[in-house]
Amino acid sequence: MNPVVPIQGGVRLQLHIQPRAARTEYVGRFGDALKVRIKSPPVDGSANDELLRFLAKSLGVPRARVELVAGHAGRRKTVQVLGVTVGEVEGLLGLGP
């Protein structure tokens, strides 16, 4: 399964999150997901907030266009990003074919 799936007006990302990392960064593929390390601990939604801000900045879209749609309390998350294409996400994150 591709971790970047096109949807109406944007993409849906399958992510595997590692909280309490030394810094927030995109790591690469992790099975059928994209792995992202998050500096914040998973307390009171702070890791989720940091993840969404990081994705918005990395993909060059306003934070309002990035939404966590599944996995609020787990490491496995589904995020919807509006205003980008699969090709743009793959290029910005260096995924390639």
Protein backbone atom coordinates (compact mmCIF):
# COMPACT_ATOMS: atom_id res chain seq x y z
CA MET A 1 0.00 0.00 0.00
CA ASN A 2 1.25 3.47 -0.86
CA PRO A 3 1.52 5.78 2.20
CA VAL A 4 0.45 8.76 0.06
CA VAL A 5 -3.04 8.39 -1.42
CA PRO A 6 -4.82 10.98 -3.59
CA ILE A 7 -8.17 12.29 -2.38
CA GLN A 8 -10.49 15.05 -3.60
CA GLY A 9 -8.45 18.26 -3.34
CA GLY A 10 -5.36 16.79 -1.69
CA VAL A 11 -3.75 13.68 -0.25
CA ARG A 12 -4.12 11.30 2.66
CA LEU A 13 -0.94 10.22 4.46
CA GLN A 14 -0.39 7.06 6.50
CA LEU A 15 2.15 7.88 9.22
CA HIS A 16 4.09 6.07 11.93
CA ILE A 17 5.07 8.50 14.70
CA GLN A 18 7.98 8.28 17.12
CA PRO A 19 7.43 10.78 19.96
CA ARG A 20 10.13 12.14 22.30
CA ALA A 21 12.78 12.23 19.56
CA ALA A 22 15.82 14.50 19.62
CA ARG A 23 14.25 16.62 16.87
CA THR A 24 11.19 16.67 14.65
CA GLU A 25 12.00 15.22 11.23
CA TYR A 26 10.79 13.00 8.41
CA VAL A 27 12.76 9.73 8.49
CA GLY A 28 11.55 7.66 5.53
CA ARG A 29 9.28 4.73 4.87
CA PHE A 30 8.23 2.40 7.66
CA GLY A 31 6.40 -0.55 6.12
CA ASP A 32 3.33 0.88 4.43
CA ALA A 33 3.62 4.24 6.24
CA LEU A 34 5.90 7.25 6.41
CA LYS A 35 7.91 7.55 9.63
CA VAL A 36 8.13 10.92 11.37
CA ARG A 37 10.04 11.59 14.58
CA ILE A 38 8.41 14.17 16.85
CA LYS A 39 10.28 16.01 19.59
CA SER A 40 7.20 16.54 21.78
CA PRO A 41 5.97 13.87 24.19
CA PRO A 42 2.53 12.36 23.54
CA VAL A 43 0.90 14.36 26.35
CA ASP A 44 -2.31 16.39 25.98
CA GLY A 45 -2.10 16.31 22.18
CA SER A 46 1.19 18.21 21.99
CA ALA A 47 2.81 15.61 19.71
CA ASN A 48 -0.21 15.71 17.38
CA ASP A 49 -0.07 19.51 17.23
CA GLU A 50 3.65 19.47 16.49
CA LEU A 51 3.14 16.82 13.80
CA LEU A 52 0.49 18.88 12.01
CA ARG A 53 2.58 22.08 12.18
CA PHE A 54 5.62 20.17 10.88
CA LEU A 55 3.68 18.68 7.95
CA ALA A 56 2.14 22.05 7.03
CA LYS A 57 5.55 23.73 6.99
CA SER A 58 7.25 20.84 5.14
CA LEU A 59 4.54 20.70 2.46
CA GLY A 60 4.15 24.47 2.12
CA VAL A 61 0.47 24.66 3.03
CA PRO A 62 -1.37 26.60 5.75
CA ARG A 63 -1.84 24.69 9.01
CA ALA A 64 -5.62 24.86 8.49
CA ARG A 65 -5.28 22.53 5.48
CA VAL A 66 -3.70 19.72 7.53
CA GLU A 67 -6.07 17.55 9.58
CA LEU A 68 -5.56 14.47 11.73
CA VAL A 69 -8.38 12.12 10.71
CA ALA A 70 -7.44 8.91 12.56
CA GLY A 71 -5.04 7.71 15.23
CA HIS A 72 -5.34 10.56 17.73
CA ALA A 73 -3.96 8.43 20.60
CA GLY A 74 -1.72 5.96 18.75
CA ARG A 75 1.54 5.92 16.85
CA ARG A 76 -0.23 5.04 13.60
CA LYS A 77 -1.97 8.13 12.21
CA THR A 78 -3.87 9.16 9.11
CA VAL A 79 -3.49 12.79 8.09
CA GLN A 80 -5.36 14.61 5.32
CA VAL A 81 -3.57 17.48 3.55
CA LEU A 82 -5.53 19.70 1.17
CA GLY A 83 -3.95 21.73 -1.60
CA VAL A 84 -1.14 19.35 -2.59
CA THR A 85 -0.81 16.45 -5.01
CA VAL A 86 0.81 13.04 -4.56
CA GLY A 87 3.66 14.14 -6.84
CA GLU A 88 4.29 17.28 -4.80
CA VAL A 89 4.37 15.34 -1.52
CA GLU A 90 6.71 12.72 -2.96
CA GLY A 91 9.01 15.43 -4.31
CA LEU A 92 9.05 17.48 -1.12
CA LEU A 93 9.69 14.45 1.09
CA GLY A 94 12.07 12.79 -1.37
CA LEU A 95 10.02 9.61 -1.72
CA GLY A 96 10.48 8.91 -5.40
CA PRO A 97 9.00 5.86 -7.15
